[in-house]
Amino acid sequence: MTVFRSNKQIYVQIVDDSIGKTLVAASSLGLTEKIAKKEQASKVGEIIAKKAQEKGIASVVFDRNGYLYHGRIKEVADAARNGGLKF
């Protein structure tokens, strides 16, 4: 599971490195309501966990792409864990 964040959005995808293919993706672009960035990140974490479970993915490796593990990155990880993903 890899995370990318910009100044306004956050993107998460689960990638199979052996074949180089994205299995599941979610981003804050699809959220319609105006909420704080940390809340956006939490919602994206919940969405990615739900989509992963629908595809039968239970365990992932978390790649924070060099971002510090706090703020929005931590919110995504916590929400994904609460949604049932293990990493």
C-alpha atoms as a PDB file:
ATOM      1  CA  MET A   1       0.000   0.000   0.000  1.00  0.00           C
ATOM      2  CA  THR A   2       1.562   3.244  -1.124  1.00  0.00           C
ATOM      3  CA  VAL A   3       0.505   6.762  -0.166  1.00  0.00           C
ATOM      4  CA  PHE A   4       1.005  10.050  -2.009  1.00  0.00           C
ATOM      5  CA  ARG A   5      -0.104  13.387  -0.673  1.00  0.00           C
ATOM      6  CA  SER A   6      -0.230  16.765  -2.344  1.00  0.00           C
ATOM      7  CA  ASN A   7      -1.109  20.096  -0.784  1.00  0.00           C
ATOM      8  CA  LYS A   8      -4.825  19.500  -1.290  1.00  0.00           C
ATOM      9  CA  GLN A   9      -5.395  15.774  -1.953  1.00  0.00           C
ATOM     10  CA  ILE A  10      -4.283  12.344  -0.757  1.00  0.00           C
ATOM     11  CA  TYR A  11      -4.005   9.211  -2.884  1.00  0.00           C
ATOM     12  CA  VAL A  12      -3.625   5.579  -1.791  1.00  0.00           C
ATOM     13  CA  GLN A  13      -3.144   2.483  -3.898  1.00  0.00           C
ATOM     14  CA  ILE A  14      -2.411  -1.161  -3.268  1.00  0.00           C
ATOM     15  CA  VAL A  15       0.117  -2.432  -5.783  1.00  0.00           C
ATOM     16  CA  ASP A  16       1.298  -5.959  -6.573  1.00  0.00           C
ATOM     17  CA  ASP A  17       5.048  -5.399  -6.969  1.00  0.00           C
ATOM     18  CA  SER A  18       5.685  -8.764  -8.587  1.00  0.00           C
ATOM     19  CA  ILE A  19       3.630  -7.840 -11.663  1.00  0.00           C
ATOM     20  CA  GLY A  20       3.698  -4.052 -11.279  1.00  0.00           C
ATOM     21  CA  LYS A  21      -0.070  -3.670 -11.309  1.00  0.00           C
ATOM     22  CA  THR A  22      -2.370  -1.552  -9.162  1.00  0.00           C
ATOM     23  CA  LEU A  23      -4.985  -3.755  -7.523  1.00  0.00           C
ATOM     24  CA  VAL A  24      -7.021  -1.154  -5.622  1.00  0.00           C
ATOM     25  CA  ALA A  25      -6.908   2.651  -5.491  1.00  0.00           C
ATOM     26  CA  ALA A  26      -8.671   5.431  -3.602  1.00  0.00           C
ATOM     27  CA  SER A  27      -8.239   9.174  -3.324  1.00  0.00           C
ATOM     28  CA  SER A  28      -9.788  12.241  -1.782  1.00  0.00           C
ATOM     29  CA  LEU A  29     -10.810  13.471  -5.242  1.00  0.00           C
ATOM     30  CA  GLY A  30     -13.992  11.403  -4.997  1.00  0.00           C
ATOM     31  CA  LEU A  31     -15.100  12.978  -1.720  1.00  0.00           C
ATOM     32  CA  THR A  32     -17.820  15.542  -2.344  1.00  0.00           C
ATOM     33  CA  GLU A  33     -18.117  17.215   1.061  1.00  0.00           C
ATOM     34  CA  LYS A  34     -15.691  19.896   2.231  1.00  0.00           C
ATOM     35  CA  ILE A  35     -13.843  18.548   5.281  1.00  0.00           C
ATOM     36  CA  ALA A  36     -10.446  19.037   6.907  1.00  0.00           C
ATOM     37  CA  LYS A  37      -7.426  17.335   5.349  1.00  0.00           C
ATOM     38  CA  LYS A  38      -6.968  14.904   8.252  1.00  0.00           C
ATOM     39  CA  GLU A  39     -10.604  13.848   7.998  1.00  0.00           C
ATOM     40  CA  GLN A  40     -10.166  13.403   4.237  1.00  0.00           C
ATOM     41  CA  ALA A  41      -7.192  11.139   4.908  1.00  0.00           C
ATOM     42  CA  SER A  42      -9.165   9.098   7.414  1.00  0.00           C
ATOM     43  CA  LYS A  43     -12.037   8.615   4.950  1.00  0.00           C
ATOM     44  CA  VAL A  44      -9.611   7.554   2.208  1.00  0.00           C
ATOM     45  CA  GLY A  45      -8.113   4.999   4.616  1.00  0.00           C
ATOM     46  CA  GLU A  46     -11.567   3.580   5.302  1.00  0.00           C
ATOM     47  CA  ILE A  47     -12.359   3.446   1.580  1.00  0.00           C
ATOM     48  CA  ILE A  48      -9.120   1.642   0.676  1.00  0.00           C
ATOM     49  CA  ALA A  49      -9.659  -0.918   3.455  1.00  0.00           C
ATOM     50  CA  LYS A  50     -13.200  -1.619   2.230  1.00  0.00           C
ATOM     51  CA  LYS A  51     -12.091  -1.971  -1.398  1.00  0.00           C
ATOM     52  CA  ALA A  52      -9.193  -4.236  -0.391  1.00  0.00           C
ATOM     53  CA  GLN A  53     -11.470  -6.542   1.564  1.00  0.00           C
ATOM     54  CA  GLU A  54     -13.831  -6.760  -1.418  1.00  0.00           C
ATOM     55  CA  LYS A  55     -10.858  -7.931  -3.534  1.00  0.00           C
ATOM     56  CA  GLY A  56      -9.780 -10.429  -0.859  1.00  0.00           C
ATOM     57  CA  ILE A  57      -6.693  -8.513   0.293  1.00  0.00           C
ATOM     58  CA  ALA A  58      -6.115  -8.799   4.028  1.00  0.00           C
ATOM     59  CA  SER A  59      -2.445  -7.960   4.517  1.00  0.00           C
ATOM     60  CA  VAL A  60      -0.257  -5.245   2.945  1.00  0.00           C
ATOM     61  CA  VAL A  61       3.101  -3.539   3.376  1.00  0.00           C
ATOM     62  CA  PHE A  62       2.761   0.178   4.129  1.00  0.00           C
ATOM     63  CA  ASP A  63       4.937   2.460   1.961  1.00  0.00           C
ATOM     64  CA  ARG A  64       4.773   6.054   3.172  1.00  0.00           C
ATOM     65  CA  ASN A  65       6.923   7.288   0.227  1.00  0.00           C
ATOM     66  CA  GLY A  66       9.378   9.149   2.452  1.00  0.00           C
ATOM     67  CA  TYR A  67       6.718  11.196   4.232  1.00  0.00           C
ATOM     68  CA  LEU A  68       7.004  11.386   8.009  1.00  0.00           C
ATOM     69  CA  TYR A  69       4.613   9.096   9.847  1.00  0.00           C
ATOM     70  CA  HIS A  70       2.339  11.739  11.341  1.00  0.00           C
ATOM     71  CA  GLY A  71      -0.590  13.891  10.338  1.00  0.00           C
ATOM     72  CA  ARG A  72      -2.426  12.754   7.222  1.00  0.00           C
ATOM     73  CA  ILE A  73      -0.174   9.736   6.621  1.00  0.00           C
ATOM     74  CA  LYS A  74      -0.865   8.439  10.125  1.00  0.00           C
ATOM     75  CA  GLU A  75      -4.604   9.063   9.692  1.00  0.00           C
ATOM     76  CA  VAL A  76      -4.668   6.951   6.509  1.00  0.00           C
ATOM     77  CA  ALA A  77      -2.778   4.123   8.211  1.00  0.00           C
ATOM     78  CA  ASP A  78      -4.952   4.149  11.341  1.00  0.00           C
ATOM     79  CA  ALA A  79      -8.190   4.199   9.346  1.00  0.00           C
ATOM     80  CA  ALA A  80      -6.984   1.350   7.111  1.00  0.00           C
ATOM     81  CA  ARG A  81      -6.060  -0.699  10.190  1.00  0.00           C
ATOM     82  CA  ASN A  82      -9.447  -0.006  11.761  1.00  0.00           C
ATOM     83  CA  GLY A  83     -11.043  -1.062   8.473  1.00  0.00           C
ATOM     84  CA  GLY A  84      -9.416  -4.490   8.749  1.00  0.00           C
ATOM     85  CA  LEU A  85      -6.127  -4.262   6.824  1.00  0.00           C
ATOM     86  CA  LYS A  86      -3.086  -5.731   8.517  1.00  0.00           C
ATOM     87  CA  PHE A  87       0.388  -4.224   8.121  1.00  0.00           C
END
